[in-house]
Each structure stands twice: as C-alpha cells, then as structure tokens.
All heavy atoms as atom14 arrays in JSON, in Angstrom:
{
  "sequence": "SVQQTVELLARRLEALGADKQGTFGVDCETYHTA",
  "atom14_mask": [
    [1, 1, 1, 1, 1, 1, 0, 0, 0, 0, 0, 0, 0, 0],
    [1, 1, 1, 1, 1, 1, 1, 0, 0, 0, 0, 0, 0, 0],
    [1, 1, 1, 1, 1, 1, 1, 1, 1, 0, 0, 0, 0, 0],
    [1, 1, 1, 1, 1, 1, 1, 1, 1, 0, 0, 0, 0, 0],
    [1, 1, 1, 1, 1, 1, 1, 0, 0, 0, 0, 0, 0, 0],
    [1, 1, 1, 1, 1, 1, 1, 0, 0, 0, 0, 0, 0, 0],
    [1, 1, 1, 1, 1, 1, 1, 1, 1, 0, 0, 0, 0, 0],
    [1, 1, 1, 1, 1, 1, 1, 1, 0, 0, 0, 0, 0, 0],
    [1, 1, 1, 1, 1, 1, 1, 1, 0, 0, 0, 0, 0, 0],
    [1, 1, 1, 1, 1, 0, 0, 0, 0, 0, 0, 0, 0, 0],
    [1, 1, 1, 1, 1, 1, 1, 1, 1, 1, 1, 0, 0, 0],
    [1, 1, 1, 1, 1, 1, 1, 1, 1, 1, 1, 0, 0, 0],
    [1, 1, 1, 1, 1, 1, 1, 1, 0, 0, 0, 0, 0, 0],
    [1, 1, 1, 1, 1, 1, 1, 1, 1, 0, 0, 0, 0, 0],
    [1, 1, 1, 1, 1, 0, 0, 0, 0, 0, 0, 0, 0, 0],
    [1, 1, 1, 1, 1, 1, 1, 1, 0, 0, 0, 0, 0, 0],
    [1, 1, 1, 1, 0, 0, 0, 0, 0, 0, 0, 0, 0, 0],
    [1, 1, 1, 1, 1, 0, 0, 0, 0, 0, 0, 0, 0, 0],
    [1, 1, 1, 1, 1, 1, 1, 1, 0, 0, 0, 0, 0, 0],
    [1, 1, 1, 1, 1, 1, 1, 1, 1, 0, 0, 0, 0, 0],
    [1, 1, 1, 1, 1, 1, 1, 1, 1, 0, 0, 0, 0, 0],
    [1, 1, 1, 1, 0, 0, 0, 0, 0, 0, 0, 0, 0, 0],
    [1, 1, 1, 1, 1, 1, 1, 0, 0, 0, 0, 0, 0, 0],
    [1, 1, 1, 1, 1, 1, 1, 1, 1, 1, 1, 0, 0, 0],
    [1, 1, 1, 1, 0, 0, 0, 0, 0, 0, 0, 0, 0, 0],
    [1, 1, 1, 1, 1, 1, 1, 0, 0, 0, 0, 0, 0, 0],
    [1, 1, 1, 1, 1, 1, 1, 1, 0, 0, 0, 0, 0, 0],
    [1, 1, 1, 1, 1, 1, 0, 0, 0, 0, 0, 0, 0, 0],
    [1, 1, 1, 1, 1, 1, 1, 1, 1, 0, 0, 0, 0, 0],
    [1, 1, 1, 1, 1, 1, 1, 0, 0, 0, 0, 0, 0, 0],
    [1, 1, 1, 1, 1, 1, 1, 1, 1, 1, 1, 1, 0, 0],
    [1, 1, 1, 1, 1, 1, 1, 1, 1, 1, 0, 0, 0, 0],
    [1, 1, 1, 1, 1, 1, 1, 0, 0, 0, 0, 0, 0, 0],
    [1, 1, 1, 1, 1, 0, 0, 0, 0, 0, 0, 0, 0, 0]
  ],
  "atom14_positions": [
    [[-0.53, -13.26, -6.53], [-1.7, -12.69, -5.85], [-1.43, -11.21, -5.61], [-0.32, -10.71, -5.84], [-1.94, -13.4, -4.53], [-0.89, -13.09, -3.61], [0.0, 0.0, 0.0], [0.0, 0.0, 0.0], [0.0, 0.0, 0.0], [0.0, 0.0, 0.0], [0.0, 0.0, 0.0], [0.0, 0.0, 0.0], [0.0, 0.0, 0.0], [0.0, 0.0, 0.0]],
    [[-2.45, -10.49, -5.14], [-2.27, -9.09, -4.78], [-1.16, -8.95, -3.75], [-0.24, -8.14, -3.91], [-3.6, -8.51, -4.22], [-3.35, -7.15, -3.57], [-4.64, -8.38, -5.32], [0.0, 0.0, 0.0], [0.0, 0.0, 0.0], [0.0, 0.0, 0.0], [0.0, 0.0, 0.0], [0.0, 0.0, 0.0], [0.0, 0.0, 0.0], [0.0, 0.0, 0.0]],
    [[-1.22, -9.77, -2.69], [-0.24, -9.65, -1.61], [1.17, -9.96, -2.11], [2.14, -9.29, -1.72], [-0.62, -10.58, -0.46], [0.11, -10.29, 0.85], [-0.14, -8.88, 1.38], [-1.2, -8.3, 1.11], [0.82, -8.33, 2.07], [0.0, 0.0, 0.0], [0.0, 0.0, 0.0], [0.0, 0.0, 0.0], [0.0, 0.0, 0.0], [0.0, 0.0, 0.0]],
    [[1.31, -10.95, -2.97], [2.64, -11.29, -3.49], [3.2, -10.15, -4.35], [4.4, -9.89, -4.32], [2.56, -12.59, -4.3], [2.38, -13.83, -3.44], [2.03, -15.07, -4.28], [1.46, -14.96, -5.36], [2.38, -16.23, -3.75], [0.0, 0.0, 0.0], [0.0, 0.0, 0.0], [0.0, 0.0, 0.0], [0.0, 0.0, 0.0], [0.0, 0.0, 0.0]],
    [[2.32, -9.46, -5.08], [2.77, -8.34, -5.91], [3.2, -7.17, -5.04], [4.2, -6.5, -5.32], [1.65, -7.91, -6.88], [1.22, -9.03, -7.65], [2.15, -6.83, -7.83], [0.0, 0.0, 0.0], [0.0, 0.0, 0.0], [0.0, 0.0, 0.0], [0.0, 0.0, 0.0], [0.0, 0.0, 0.0], [0.0, 0.0, 0.0], [0.0, 0.0, 0.0]],
    [[2.45, -6.91, -3.96], [2.83, -5.86, -3.01], [4.2, -6.18, -2.41], [5.06, -5.3, -2.29], [1.76, -5.72, -1.9], [2.28, -4.81, -0.78], [0.47, -5.16, -2.47], [0.0, 0.0, 0.0], [0.0, 0.0, 0.0], [0.0, 0.0, 0.0], [0.0, 0.0, 0.0], [0.0, 0.0, 0.0], [0.0, 0.0, 0.0], [0.0, 0.0, 0.0]],
    [[4.41, -7.44, -2.04], [5.7, -7.84, -1.46], [6.83, -7.67, -2.47], [7.96, -7.3, -2.11], [5.61, -9.29, -0.98], [4.74, -9.46, 0.26], [4.39, -10.91, 0.56], [4.83, -11.8, -0.2], [3.67, -11.16, 1.55], [0.0, 0.0, 0.0], [0.0, 0.0, 0.0], [0.0, 0.0, 0.0], [0.0, 0.0, 0.0], [0.0, 0.0, 0.0]],
    [[6.55, -7.93, -3.74], [7.55, -7.76, -4.8], [7.96, -6.29, -4.91], [9.16, -5.96, -4.99], [6.97, -8.26, -6.13], [7.86, -8.19, -7.36], [9.04, -9.13, -7.22], [7.07, -8.54, -8.62], [0.0, 0.0, 0.0], [0.0, 0.0, 0.0], [0.0, 0.0, 0.0], [0.0, 0.0, 0.0], [0.0, 0.0, 0.0], [0.0, 0.0, 0.0]],
    [[6.98, -5.38, -4.89], [7.27, -3.95, -4.94], [8.04, -3.52, -3.69], [8.96, -2.7, -3.78], [5.96, -3.15, -5.05], [5.23, -3.23, -6.39], [3.81, -2.67, -6.27], [6.0, -2.48, -7.47], [0.0, 0.0, 0.0], [0.0, 0.0, 0.0], [0.0, 0.0, 0.0], [0.0, 0.0, 0.0], [0.0, 0.0, 0.0], [0.0, 0.0, 0.0]],
    [[7.66, -4.06, -2.54], [8.35, -3.72, -1.29], [9.82, -4.13, -1.35], [10.7, -3.38, -0.91], [7.65, -4.38, -0.11], [0.0, 0.0, 0.0], [0.0, 0.0, 0.0], [0.0, 0.0, 0.0], [0.0, 0.0, 0.0], [0.0, 0.0, 0.0], [0.0, 0.0, 0.0], [0.0, 0.0, 0.0], [0.0, 0.0, 0.0], [0.0, 0.0, 0.0]],
    [[10.09, -5.31, -1.9], [11.48, -5.78, -2.01], [12.29, -4.87, -2.93], [13.47, -4.59, -2.65], [11.52, -7.23, -2.52], [11.11, -8.25, -1.46], [11.57, -9.65, -1.83], [10.93, -10.13, -3.05], [9.77, -10.78, -3.08], [9.1, -11.01, -1.95], [9.26, -11.21, -4.22], [0.0, 0.0, 0.0], [0.0, 0.0, 0.0], [0.0, 0.0, 0.0]],
    [[11.66, -4.38, -4.0], [12.37, -3.46, -4.91], [12.72, -2.16, -4.19], [13.81, -1.62, -4.35], [11.5, -3.16, -6.13], [11.35, -4.32, -7.1], [10.45, -3.91, -8.25], [10.13, -5.03, -9.11], [9.18, -5.0, -10.04], [8.48, -3.89, -10.23], [8.94, -6.05, -10.79], [0.0, 0.0, 0.0], [0.0, 0.0, 0.0], [0.0, 0.0, 0.0]],
    [[11.76, -1.66, -3.39], [12.02, -0.43, -2.65], [13.13, -0.62, -1.63], [14.02, 0.23, -1.48], [10.74, 0.02, -1.93], [9.74, 0.84, -2.75], [8.45, 1.01, -1.96], [10.32, 2.2, -3.13], [0.0, 0.0, 0.0], [0.0, 0.0, 0.0], [0.0, 0.0, 0.0], [0.0, 0.0, 0.0], [0.0, 0.0, 0.0], [0.0, 0.0, 0.0]],
    [[13.07, -1.74, -0.92], [14.08, -2.0, 0.1], [15.46, -2.2, -0.52], [16.48, -1.83, 0.07], [13.66, -3.21, 0.94], [12.47, -2.89, 1.86], [11.83, -4.12, 2.48], [12.37, -5.23, 2.29], [10.78, -3.98, 3.15], [0.0, 0.0, 0.0], [0.0, 0.0, 0.0], [0.0, 0.0, 0.0], [0.0, 0.0, 0.0], [0.0, 0.0, 0.0]],
    [[15.49, -2.76, -1.74], [16.76, -2.94, -2.44], [17.38, -1.58, -2.81], [18.6, -1.44, -2.88], [16.56, -3.79, -3.7], [0.0, 0.0, 0.0], [0.0, 0.0, 0.0], [0.0, 0.0, 0.0], [0.0, 0.0, 0.0], [0.0, 0.0, 0.0], [0.0, 0.0, 0.0], [0.0, 0.0, 0.0], [0.0, 0.0, 0.0], [0.0, 0.0, 0.0]],
    [[16.5, -0.57, -3.03], [17.0, 0.78, -3.32], [17.56, 1.45, -2.06], [18.33, 2.4, -2.14], [15.86, 1.66, -3.86], [15.35, 1.37, -5.27], [14.12, 2.22, -5.56], [16.43, 1.66, -6.31], [0.0, 0.0, 0.0], [0.0, 0.0, 0.0], [0.0, 0.0, 0.0], [0.0, 0.0, 0.0], [0.0, 0.0, 0.0], [0.0, 0.0, 0.0]],
    [[17.14, 0.94, -0.9], [17.58, 1.53, 0.36], [16.47, 2.21, 1.14], [16.73, 2.93, 2.11], [0.0, 0.0, 0.0], [0.0, 0.0, 0.0], [0.0, 0.0, 0.0], [0.0, 0.0, 0.0], [0.0, 0.0, 0.0], [0.0, 0.0, 0.0], [0.0, 0.0, 0.0], [0.0, 0.0, 0.0], [0.0, 0.0, 0.0], [0.0, 0.0, 0.0]],
    [[15.2, 2.0, 0.74], [14.08, 2.62, 1.43], [13.85, 1.94, 2.78], [14.04, 0.74, 2.93], [12.81, 2.51, 0.58], [0.0, 0.0, 0.0], [0.0, 0.0, 0.0], [0.0, 0.0, 0.0], [0.0, 0.0, 0.0], [0.0, 0.0, 0.0], [0.0, 0.0, 0.0], [0.0, 0.0, 0.0], [0.0, 0.0, 0.0], [0.0, 0.0, 0.0]],
    [[13.44, 2.74, 3.77], [13.18, 2.24, 5.12], [11.69, 2.29, 5.43], [11.01, 3.25, 5.05], [13.92, 3.09, 6.17], [15.43, 3.0, 6.01], [15.93, 1.87, 5.81], [16.1, 4.06, 6.07], [0.0, 0.0, 0.0], [0.0, 0.0, 0.0], [0.0, 0.0, 0.0], [0.0, 0.0, 0.0], [0.0, 0.0, 0.0], [0.0, 0.0, 0.0]],
    [[11.19, 1.29, 6.15], [9.8, 1.29, 6.58], [9.57, 2.4, 7.6], [10.38, 2.6, 8.49], [9.42, -0.05, 7.22], [9.29, -1.18, 6.21], [8.85, -2.47, 6.89], [8.75, -3.62, 5.88], [8.32, -4.88, 6.52], [0.0, 0.0, 0.0], [0.0, 0.0, 0.0], [0.0, 0.0, 0.0], [0.0, 0.0, 0.0], [0.0, 0.0, 0.0]],
    [[8.46, 3.12, 7.42], [8.12, 4.22, 8.33], [6.66, 4.11, 8.77], [5.87, 5.01, 8.6], [8.35, 5.58, 7.63], [9.77, 5.86, 7.24], [10.62, 6.27, 8.43], [10.1, 6.72, 9.43], [11.93, 6.11, 8.31], [0.0, 0.0, 0.0], [0.0, 0.0, 0.0], [0.0, 0.0, 0.0], [0.0, 0.0, 0.0], [0.0, 0.0, 0.0]],
    [[6.29, 2.95, 9.29], [4.93, 2.78, 9.81], [3.93, 2.38, 8.74], [4.3, 1.88, 7.67], [0.0, 0.0, 0.0], [0.0, 0.0, 0.0], [0.0, 0.0, 0.0], [0.0, 0.0, 0.0], [0.0, 0.0, 0.0], [0.0, 0.0, 0.0], [0.0, 0.0, 0.0], [0.0, 0.0, 0.0], [0.0, 0.0, 0.0], [0.0, 0.0, 0.0]],
    [[2.66, 2.6, 9.03], [1.58, 2.19, 8.14], [0.71, 3.38, 7.77], [0.87, 4.49, 8.32], [0.7, 1.12, 8.81], [0.16, 1.67, 10.02], [1.5, -0.13, 9.12], [0.0, 0.0, 0.0], [0.0, 0.0, 0.0], [0.0, 0.0, 0.0], [0.0, 0.0, 0.0], [0.0, 0.0, 0.0], [0.0, 0.0, 0.0], [0.0, 0.0, 0.0]],
    [[-0.2, 3.17, 6.84], [-1.13, 4.23, 6.43], [-2.47, 3.6, 6.06], [-2.58, 2.38, 5.87], [-0.57, 5.0, 5.22], [-0.82, 4.31, 3.9], [-1.89, 4.67, 3.1], [0.01, 3.28, 3.48], [-2.13, 4.01, 1.9], [-0.21, 2.61, 2.29], [-1.29, 2.98, 1.49], [0.0, 0.0, 0.0], [0.0, 0.0, 0.0], [0.0, 0.0, 0.0]],
    [[-3.48, 4.44, 5.96], [-4.79, 3.97, 5.54], [-5.59, 5.11, 4.92], [-5.54, 6.24, 5.4], [0.0, 0.0, 0.0], [0.0, 0.0, 0.0], [0.0, 0.0, 0.0], [0.0, 0.0, 0.0], [0.0, 0.0, 0.0], [0.0, 0.0, 0.0], [0.0, 0.0, 0.0], [0.0, 0.0, 0.0], [0.0, 0.0, 0.0], [0.0, 0.0, 0.0]],
    [[-6.28, 4.8, 3.83], [-7.2, 5.75, 3.19], [-8.51, 5.0, 2.97], [-8.49, 3.88, 2.43], [-6.66, 6.25, 1.83], [-7.68, 7.18, 1.16], [-5.33, 6.96, 2.0], [0.0, 0.0, 0.0], [0.0, 0.0, 0.0], [0.0, 0.0, 0.0], [0.0, 0.0, 0.0], [0.0, 0.0, 0.0], [0.0, 0.0, 0.0], [0.0, 0.0, 0.0]],
    [[-9.64, 5.59, 3.39], [-10.91, 4.91, 3.14], [-11.9, 5.86, 2.48], [-11.74, 7.08, 2.53], [-11.5, 4.33, 4.44], [-11.85, 5.4, 5.46], [-12.73, 6.23, 5.17], [-11.24, 5.41, 6.55], [0.0, 0.0, 0.0], [0.0, 0.0, 0.0], [0.0, 0.0, 0.0], [0.0, 0.0, 0.0], [0.0, 0.0, 0.0], [0.0, 0.0, 0.0]],
    [[-12.9, 5.27, 1.84], [-13.86, 6.04, 1.07], [-15.24, 5.41, 1.18], [-15.4, 4.22, 0.89], [-13.42, 6.09, -0.39], [-14.6, 6.88, -1.51], [0.0, 0.0, 0.0], [0.0, 0.0, 0.0], [0.0, 0.0, 0.0], [0.0, 0.0, 0.0], [0.0, 0.0, 0.0], [0.0, 0.0, 0.0], [0.0, 0.0, 0.0], [0.0, 0.0, 0.0]],
    [[-16.22, 6.2, 1.62], [-17.6, 5.75, 1.66], [-18.42, 6.56, 0.66], [-18.2, 7.77, 0.49], [-18.18, 5.91, 3.06], [-17.5, 4.99, 4.08], [-18.33, 4.83, 5.34], [-19.43, 4.26, 5.25], [-17.87, 5.27, 6.39], [0.0, 0.0, 0.0], [0.0, 0.0, 0.0], [0.0, 0.0, 0.0], [0.0, 0.0, 0.0], [0.0, 0.0, 0.0]],
    [[-19.33, 5.89, -0.02], [-20.14, 6.54, -1.05], [-21.52, 6.89, -0.51], [-22.17, 6.08, 0.14], [-20.3, 5.59, -2.26], [-19.01, 5.23, -2.74], [-21.08, 6.28, -3.38], [0.0, 0.0, 0.0], [0.0, 0.0, 0.0], [0.0, 0.0, 0.0], [0.0, 0.0, 0.0], [0.0, 0.0, 0.0], [0.0, 0.0, 0.0], [0.0, 0.0, 0.0]],
    [[-21.94, 8.12, -0.78], [-23.29, 8.57, -0.43], [-24.0, 8.99, -1.7], [-23.39, 9.56, -2.61], [-23.23, 9.77, 0.53], [-22.76, 9.42, 1.92], [-21.39, 9.3, 2.2], [-23.66, 9.22, 2.96], [-20.95, 8.98, 3.47], [-23.22, 8.91, 4.25], [-21.86, 8.79, 4.49], [-21.43, 8.47, 5.76], [0.0, 0.0, 0.0], [0.0, 0.0, 0.0]],
    [[-25.31, 8.71, -1.78], [-26.08, 9.19, -2.92], [-27.26, 10.01, -2.4], [-27.74, 9.81, -1.28], [-26.55, 8.04, -3.82], [-27.3, 6.97, -3.1], [-28.65, 7.07, -2.8], [-26.89, 5.76, -2.62], [-29.04, 5.97, -2.17], [-27.99, 5.16, -2.03], [0.0, 0.0, 0.0], [0.0, 0.0, 0.0], [0.0, 0.0, 0.0], [0.0, 0.0, 0.0]],
    [[-27.72, 10.93, -3.23], [-28.83, 11.77, -2.81], [-30.06, 10.9, -2.61], [-30.32, 9.97, -3.36], [-29.13, 12.85, -3.87], [-29.24, 12.22, -5.15], [-28.04, 13.9, -3.91], [0.0, 0.0, 0.0], [0.0, 0.0, 0.0], [0.0, 0.0, 0.0], [0.0, 0.0, 0.0], [0.0, 0.0, 0.0], [0.0, 0.0, 0.0], [0.0, 0.0, 0.0]],
    [[-30.81, 11.21, -1.55], [-32.02, 10.44, -1.23], [-33.0, 10.51, -2.4], [-33.13, 11.54, -3.06], [-32.66, 10.99, 0.03], [0.0, 0.0, 0.0], [0.0, 0.0, 0.0], [0.0, 0.0, 0.0], [0.0, 0.0, 0.0], [0.0, 0.0, 0.0], [0.0, 0.0, 0.0], [0.0, 0.0, 0.0], [0.0, 0.0, 0.0], [0.0, 0.0, 0.0]]
  ]
}
C-alpha cells in the first residue's frame, strides 16, 4: 500500500542513520477564472 511503501523508505533512511525531525505539510488548492 502507499503507507507500507512510505514505511519501507523510512526504514532505509533510518538504516543510513537519519533522524526524525518532526513533520511537514504542503497543500494546494486550485482556482479557475470565473
């Protein structure tokens, strides 16, 4: 699943020695001309 793939990437990063440093978020809303 998406979540399992994210966890797989996280494990690879942690195996390299990367440390968690909080969370992040990016959002996008679409507007069109009236």
